[in-house]
Amino acid sequence: MKKPMNETLFESQKRAAESSRAMAEVAVKNAQEIAKLNQQAAQDLAHAFQEKVAELLKVKDPRAAFELVQAQVLQDAALQVASYQHQVAQVLKTGNRELTKIAEDMIAQSKSDLIHFVNEATANAPAGSDAYVSTFKTAFNQALQNFELIRAATADSFYNFEKSVENMSNLSQTSQATKKRASRK
C-alpha cells in the first residue's frame, strides 16, 4: 500500500525533529554532567585548600612552609586538575559517541527516504518520459553521493573532536609528568 507524498514528508520531518530533540538532550545531559564535575571540583579544591592552609599555619619555619607548598600542595592540585580533565574528557567522549550515532542514523534515514521518494516518483512516470526519468535518476545518484560525503564529513568531524580532547588530555599529563620530575630534582 502506497502512502501519499504528504504523509511521507510529514513522517520524515517528524523523524528529523525527534533526532534534533535527541541531540539536544545529549547536549543538555553533557552540560549537566560537566556542571556537576565543576561543582564537585570546586568543593574538592576548597576543602583541600582549607586543609593545606591549616597545615601551613602549623608550620613555623618559612623554608618548611615553602617546601610543603611546593612538594605537597602543588602536586595535590596537579593531581586534582588531571582527574578533573580526565572526567570532563570522558563526558565529552561519551556525548560525542551518542551524537555520532544520532547523526549517522539521521543520514541513513534521510538516504532511505530519498531512495523511497525516487522509487515512487519513477514508478509512476508517464509513458514517453524516459529522458526525464533518466535525468532525475542521475540527479538522485548525485544526491546519494552527497549523502555519503556528508556522512564521511560528519564522521571525520566527530573523530577529530575526540582526538582533540585526547590530545589535550595527553598534553596535560605530559606537562604534569615533566613538572613532577623537575620538582624531584
C-alpha atoms as a PDB file:
ATOM      1  CA  MET A   1       0.000   0.000   0.000  1.00  0.00           C
ATOM      2  CA  LYS A   2       1.482   3.307  -1.075  1.00  0.00           C
ATOM      3  CA  LYS A   3       1.483   6.312   1.223  1.00  0.00           C
ATOM      4  CA  PRO A   4       0.589   9.769  -0.052  1.00  0.00           C
ATOM      5  CA  MET A   5       3.620  12.051  -0.586  1.00  0.00           C
ATOM      6  CA  ASN A   6       2.453  14.477   2.129  1.00  0.00           C
ATOM      7  CA  GLU A   7       2.303  11.681   4.684  1.00  0.00           C
ATOM      8  CA  THR A   8       5.798  10.517   3.765  1.00  0.00           C
ATOM      9  CA  LEU A   9       7.155  14.074   4.081  1.00  0.00           C
ATOM     10  CA  PHE A  10       5.390  14.518   7.420  1.00  0.00           C
ATOM     11  CA  GLU A  11       6.963  11.305   8.767  1.00  0.00           C
ATOM     12  CA  SER A  12      10.364  12.428   7.539  1.00  0.00           C
ATOM     13  CA  GLN A  13      10.009  15.810   9.229  1.00  0.00           C
ATOM     14  CA  LYS A  14       8.806  14.116  12.411  1.00  0.00           C
ATOM     15  CA  ARG A  15      11.895  11.869  12.474  1.00  0.00           C
ATOM     16  CA  ALA A  16      14.156  14.886  11.882  1.00  0.00           C
ATOM     17  CA  ALA A  17      12.509  16.718  14.781  1.00  0.00           C
ATOM     18  CA  GLU A  18      12.930  13.656  17.016  1.00  0.00           C
ATOM     19  CA  SER A  19      16.599  13.399  16.065  1.00  0.00           C
ATOM     20  CA  SER A  20      17.118  17.086  16.786  1.00  0.00           C
ATOM     21  CA  ARG A  21      15.447  16.633  20.164  1.00  0.00           C
ATOM     22  CA  ALA A  22      17.693  13.639  20.903  1.00  0.00           C
ATOM     23  CA  MET A  23      20.784  15.681  20.022  1.00  0.00           C
ATOM     24  CA  ALA A  24      19.607  18.498  22.277  1.00  0.00           C
ATOM     25  CA  GLU A  25      19.047  16.001  25.107  1.00  0.00           C
ATOM     26  CA  VAL A  26      22.599  14.708  24.717  1.00  0.00           C
ATOM     27  CA  ALA A  27      23.956  18.262  24.790  1.00  0.00           C
ATOM     28  CA  VAL A  28      21.922  19.138  27.901  1.00  0.00           C
ATOM     29  CA  LYS A  29      22.943  15.892  29.622  1.00  0.00           C
ATOM     30  CA  ASN A  30      26.617  16.607  28.884  1.00  0.00           C
ATOM     31  CA  ALA A  31      26.292  20.169  30.146  1.00  0.00           C
ATOM     32  CA  GLN A  32      24.668  18.910  33.357  1.00  0.00           C
ATOM     33  CA  GLU A  33      27.401  16.309  33.893  1.00  0.00           C
ATOM     34  CA  ILE A  34      30.120  18.896  33.329  1.00  0.00           C
ATOM     35  CA  ALA A  35      28.345  21.304  35.695  1.00  0.00           C
ATOM     36  CA  LYS A  36      28.320  18.538  38.343  1.00  0.00           C
ATOM     37  CA  LEU A  37      32.019  17.928  37.743  1.00  0.00           C
ATOM     38  CA  ASN A  38      32.711  21.665  38.046  1.00  0.00           C
ATOM     39  CA  GLN A  39      30.772  21.888  41.290  1.00  0.00           C
ATOM     40  CA  GLN A  40      32.498  18.830  42.745  1.00  0.00           C
ATOM     41  CA  ALA A  41      35.925  20.100  41.635  1.00  0.00           C
ATOM     42  CA  ALA A  42      35.252  23.475  43.275  1.00  0.00           C
ATOM     43  CA  GLN A  43      34.162  21.783  46.505  1.00  0.00           C
ATOM     44  CA  ASP A  44      37.173  19.461  46.488  1.00  0.00           C
ATOM     45  CA  LEU A  45      39.509  22.365  45.802  1.00  0.00           C
ATOM     46  CA  ALA A  46      38.010  24.458  48.614  1.00  0.00           C
ATOM     47  CA  HIS A  47      38.258  21.540  51.037  1.00  0.00           C
ATOM     48  CA  ALA A  48      41.853  20.786  50.044  1.00  0.00           C
ATOM     49  CA  PHE A  49      42.730  24.486  50.278  1.00  0.00           C
ATOM     50  CA  GLN A  50      41.350  24.671  53.822  1.00  0.00           C
ATOM     51  CA  GLU A  51      43.305  21.584  54.851  1.00  0.00           C
ATOM     52  CA  LYS A  52      46.553  22.908  53.375  1.00  0.00           C
ATOM     53  CA  VAL A  53      46.103  26.328  54.972  1.00  0.00           C
ATOM     54  CA  ALA A  54      45.572  24.620  58.326  1.00  0.00           C
ATOM     55  CA  GLU A  55      48.783  22.631  57.783  1.00  0.00           C
ATOM     56  CA  LEU A  56      50.690  25.762  56.762  1.00  0.00           C
ATOM     57  CA  LEU A  57      49.532  27.606  59.856  1.00  0.00           C
ATOM     58  CA  LYS A  58      51.094  24.857  61.986  1.00  0.00           C
ATOM     59  CA  VAL A  59      54.486  25.240  60.290  1.00  0.00           C
ATOM     60  CA  LYS A  60      56.747  27.844  61.929  1.00  0.00           C
ATOM     61  CA  ASP A  61      59.759  27.667  59.616  1.00  0.00           C
ATOM     62  CA  PRO A  62      59.325  29.591  56.303  1.00  0.00           C
ATOM     63  CA  ARG A  63      61.555  27.119  54.459  1.00  0.00           C
ATOM     64  CA  ALA A  64      59.449  24.175  55.650  1.00  0.00           C
ATOM     65  CA  ALA A  65      56.303  26.051  54.600  1.00  0.00           C
ATOM     66  CA  PHE A  66      57.764  26.663  51.145  1.00  0.00           C
ATOM     67  CA  GLU A  67      58.755  23.007  50.793  1.00  0.00           C
ATOM     68  CA  LEU A  68      55.303  21.897  51.938  1.00  0.00           C
ATOM     69  CA  VAL A  69      53.643  24.127  49.355  1.00  0.00           C
ATOM     70  CA  GLN A  70      55.982  23.090  46.580  1.00  0.00           C
ATOM     71  CA  ALA A  71      56.079  19.387  47.327  1.00  0.00           C
ATOM     72  CA  GLN A  72      52.618  18.593  48.554  1.00  0.00           C
ATOM     73  CA  VAL A  73      50.139  21.361  47.758  1.00  0.00           C
ATOM     74  CA  LEU A  74      51.127  21.833  44.148  1.00  0.00           C
ATOM     75  CA  GLN A  75      51.323  18.118  43.451  1.00  0.00           C
ATOM     76  CA  ASP A  76      47.908  17.527  45.013  1.00  0.00           C
ATOM     77  CA  ALA A  77      46.446  20.368  42.957  1.00  0.00           C
ATOM     78  CA  ALA A  78      48.014  18.943  39.798  1.00  0.00           C
ATOM     79  CA  LEU A  79      46.501  15.536  40.540  1.00  0.00           C
ATOM     80  CA  GLN A  80      43.081  17.084  41.102  1.00  0.00           C
ATOM     81  CA  VAL A  81      43.317  19.016  37.841  1.00  0.00           C
ATOM     82  CA  ALA A  82      44.366  15.874  35.969  1.00  0.00           C
ATOM     83  CA  SER A  83      41.479  13.923  37.451  1.00  0.00           C
ATOM     84  CA  TYR A  84      39.045  16.694  36.554  1.00  0.00           C
ATOM     85  CA  GLN A  85      40.358  16.876  32.986  1.00  0.00           C
ATOM     86  CA  HIS A  86      40.027  13.117  32.616  1.00  0.00           C
ATOM     87  CA  GLN A  87      36.431  13.173  33.845  1.00  0.00           C
ATOM     88  CA  VAL A  88      35.493  16.027  31.502  1.00  0.00           C
ATOM     89  CA  ALA A  89      37.167  14.224  28.594  1.00  0.00           C
ATOM     90  CA  GLN A  90      35.138  11.094  29.359  1.00  0.00           C
ATOM     91  CA  VAL A  91      31.881  13.075  29.387  1.00  0.00           C
ATOM     92  CA  LEU A  92      32.796  14.701  26.077  1.00  0.00           C
ATOM     93  CA  LYS A  93      33.767  11.347  24.543  1.00  0.00           C
ATOM     94  CA  THR A  94      30.531   9.697  25.614  1.00  0.00           C
ATOM     95  CA  GLY A  95      28.446  12.596  24.351  1.00  0.00           C
ATOM     96  CA  ASN A  96      30.402  12.683  21.119  1.00  0.00           C
ATOM     97  CA  ARG A  97      29.701   8.995  20.510  1.00  0.00           C
ATOM     98  CA  GLU A  98      25.987   9.479  21.183  1.00  0.00           C
ATOM     99  CA  LEU A  99      25.878  12.443  18.794  1.00  0.00           C
ATOM    100  CA  THR A 100      27.770  10.451  16.161  1.00  0.00           C
ATOM    101  CA  LYS A 101      25.207   7.646  16.363  1.00  0.00           C
ATOM    102  CA  ILE A 102      22.285  10.070  16.096  1.00  0.00           C
ATOM    103  CA  ALA A 103      23.861  11.873  13.130  1.00  0.00           C
ATOM    104  CA  GLU A 104      24.590   8.605  11.335  1.00  0.00           C
ATOM    105  CA  ASP A 105      21.020   7.420  11.944  1.00  0.00           C
ATOM    106  CA  MET A 106      19.649  10.717  10.604  1.00  0.00           C
ATOM    107  CA  ILE A 107      21.772  10.474   7.474  1.00  0.00           C
ATOM    108  CA  ALA A 108      20.808   6.832   6.881  1.00  0.00           C
ATOM    109  CA  GLN A 109      17.124   7.638   7.328  1.00  0.00           C
ATOM    110  CA  SER A 110      17.333  10.631   5.006  1.00  0.00           C
ATOM    111  CA  LYS A 111      19.055   8.488   2.415  1.00  0.00           C
ATOM    112  CA  SER A 112      16.356   5.830   2.771  1.00  0.00           C
ATOM    113  CA  ASP A 113      13.627   8.467   2.439  1.00  0.00           C
ATOM    114  CA  LEU A 114      15.242   9.829  -0.703  1.00  0.00           C
ATOM    115  CA  ILE A 115      15.517   6.356  -2.236  1.00  0.00           C
ATOM    116  CA  HIS A 116      11.863   5.731  -1.427  1.00  0.00           C
ATOM    117  CA  PHE A 117      10.866   9.080  -2.931  1.00  0.00           C
ATOM    118  CA  VAL A 118      12.748   8.424  -6.180  1.00  0.00           C
ATOM    119  CA  ASN A 119      11.348   4.911  -6.492  1.00  0.00           C
ATOM    120  CA  GLU A 120       7.819   6.270  -6.025  1.00  0.00           C
ATOM    121  CA  ALA A 121       8.331   9.101  -8.492  1.00  0.00           C
ATOM    122  CA  THR A 122       9.899   6.972 -11.222  1.00  0.00           C
ATOM    123  CA  ALA A 123       7.466   4.068 -10.822  1.00  0.00           C
ATOM    124  CA  ASN A 124       4.557   6.328 -11.717  1.00  0.00           C
ATOM    125  CA  ALA A 125       6.271   8.167 -14.579  1.00  0.00           C
ATOM    126  CA  PRO A 126       4.070   8.544 -17.652  1.00  0.00           C
ATOM    127  CA  ALA A 127       4.969   6.806 -20.888  1.00  0.00           C
ATOM    128  CA  GLY A 128       7.447   8.700 -23.036  1.00  0.00           C
ATOM    129  CA  SER A 129       9.178  10.408 -20.119  1.00  0.00           C
ATOM    130  CA  ASP A 130      12.254   8.196 -20.216  1.00  0.00           C
ATOM    131  CA  ALA A 131      14.635  11.139 -20.749  1.00  0.00           C
ATOM    132  CA  TYR A 132      13.192  12.960 -17.723  1.00  0.00           C
ATOM    133  CA  VAL A 133      13.354   9.811 -15.610  1.00  0.00           C
ATOM    134  CA  SER A 134      16.975   9.291 -16.632  1.00  0.00           C
ATOM    135  CA  THR A 135      17.859  12.895 -15.734  1.00  0.00           C
ATOM    136  CA  PHE A 136      16.002  12.544 -12.452  1.00  0.00           C
ATOM    137  CA  LYS A 137      17.846   9.331 -11.577  1.00  0.00           C
ATOM    138  CA  THR A 138      21.185  10.964 -12.443  1.00  0.00           C
ATOM    139  CA  ALA A 139      20.386  13.812 -10.048  1.00  0.00           C
ATOM    140  CA  PHE A 140      19.316  11.229  -7.495  1.00  0.00           C
ATOM    141  CA  ASN A 141      22.614   9.367  -7.775  1.00  0.00           C
ATOM    142  CA  GLN A 142      24.424  12.691  -7.224  1.00  0.00           C
ATOM    143  CA  ALA A 143      22.317  13.240  -4.108  1.00  0.00           C
ATOM    144  CA  LEU A 144      23.261   9.773  -2.828  1.00  0.00           C
ATOM    145  CA  GLN A 145      26.930  10.602  -3.335  1.00  0.00           C
ATOM    146  CA  ASN A 146      26.389  13.840  -1.412  1.00  0.00           C
ATOM    147  CA  PHE A 147      24.811  11.868   1.429  1.00  0.00           C
ATOM    148  CA  GLU A 148      27.926   9.713   1.561  1.00  0.00           C
ATOM    149  CA  LEU A 149      30.136  12.824   1.584  1.00  0.00           C
ATOM    150  CA  ILE A 150      28.058  14.312   4.405  1.00  0.00           C
ATOM    151  CA  ARG A 151      28.265  11.066   6.360  1.00  0.00           C
ATOM    152  CA  ALA A 152      32.030  10.886   5.892  1.00  0.00           C
ATOM    153  CA  ALA A 153      32.495  14.557   6.841  1.00  0.00           C
ATOM    154  CA  THR A 154      30.335  14.087   9.925  1.00  0.00           C
ATOM    155  CA  ALA A 155      32.285  11.007  10.983  1.00  0.00           C
ATOM    156  CA  ASP A 156      35.583  12.854  10.423  1.00  0.00           C
ATOM    157  CA  SER A 157      34.365  15.836  12.409  1.00  0.00           C
ATOM    158  CA  PHE A 158      33.355  13.745  15.408  1.00  0.00           C
ATOM    159  CA  TYR A 159      36.570  11.709  15.187  1.00  0.00           C
ATOM    160  CA  ASN A 160      38.720  14.854  15.026  1.00  0.00           C
ATOM    161  CA  PHE A 161      36.895  16.346  18.006  1.00  0.00           C
ATOM    162  CA  GLU A 162      37.508  13.207  20.051  1.00  0.00           C
ATOM    163  CA  LYS A 163      41.185  13.182  19.051  1.00  0.00           C
ATOM    164  CA  SER A 164      41.498  16.857  20.065  1.00  0.00           C
ATOM    165  CA  VAL A 165      40.117  16.049  23.515  1.00  0.00           C
ATOM    166  CA  GLU A 166      42.527  13.116  23.825  1.00  0.00           C
ATOM    167  CA  ASN A 167      45.469  15.257  22.676  1.00  0.00           C
ATOM    168  CA  MET A 168      44.643  17.934  25.254  1.00  0.00           C
ATOM    169  CA  SER A 169      44.492  15.280  27.953  1.00  0.00           C
ATOM    170  CA  ASN A 170      47.790  13.727  26.831  1.00  0.00           C
ATOM    171  CA  LEU A 171      49.459  17.134  26.687  1.00  0.00           C
ATOM    172  CA  SER A 172      48.282  17.888  30.211  1.00  0.00           C
ATOM    173  CA  GLN A 173      49.547  14.535  31.500  1.00  0.00           C
ATOM    174  CA  THR A 174      52.922  15.026  29.809  1.00  0.00           C
ATOM    175  CA  SER A 175      53.218  18.510  31.265  1.00  0.00           C
ATOM    176  CA  GLN A 176      52.413  17.259  34.759  1.00  0.00           C
ATOM    177  CA  ALA A 177      54.901  14.400  34.494  1.00  0.00           C
ATOM    178  CA  THR A 178      57.602  16.863  33.419  1.00  0.00           C
ATOM    179  CA  LYS A 179      56.796  19.135  36.364  1.00  0.00           C
ATOM    180  CA  LYS A 180      56.923  16.207  38.789  1.00  0.00           C
ATOM    181  CA  ARG A 181      60.344  15.158  37.524  1.00  0.00           C
ATOM    182  CA  ALA A 182      61.615  18.729  37.753  1.00  0.00           C
ATOM    183  CA  SER A 183      60.342  19.133  41.327  1.00  0.00           C
ATOM    184  CA  ARG A 184      62.101  15.925  42.425  1.00  0.00           C
ATOM    185  CA  LYS A 185      65.499  17.186  41.276  1.00  0.00           C
END
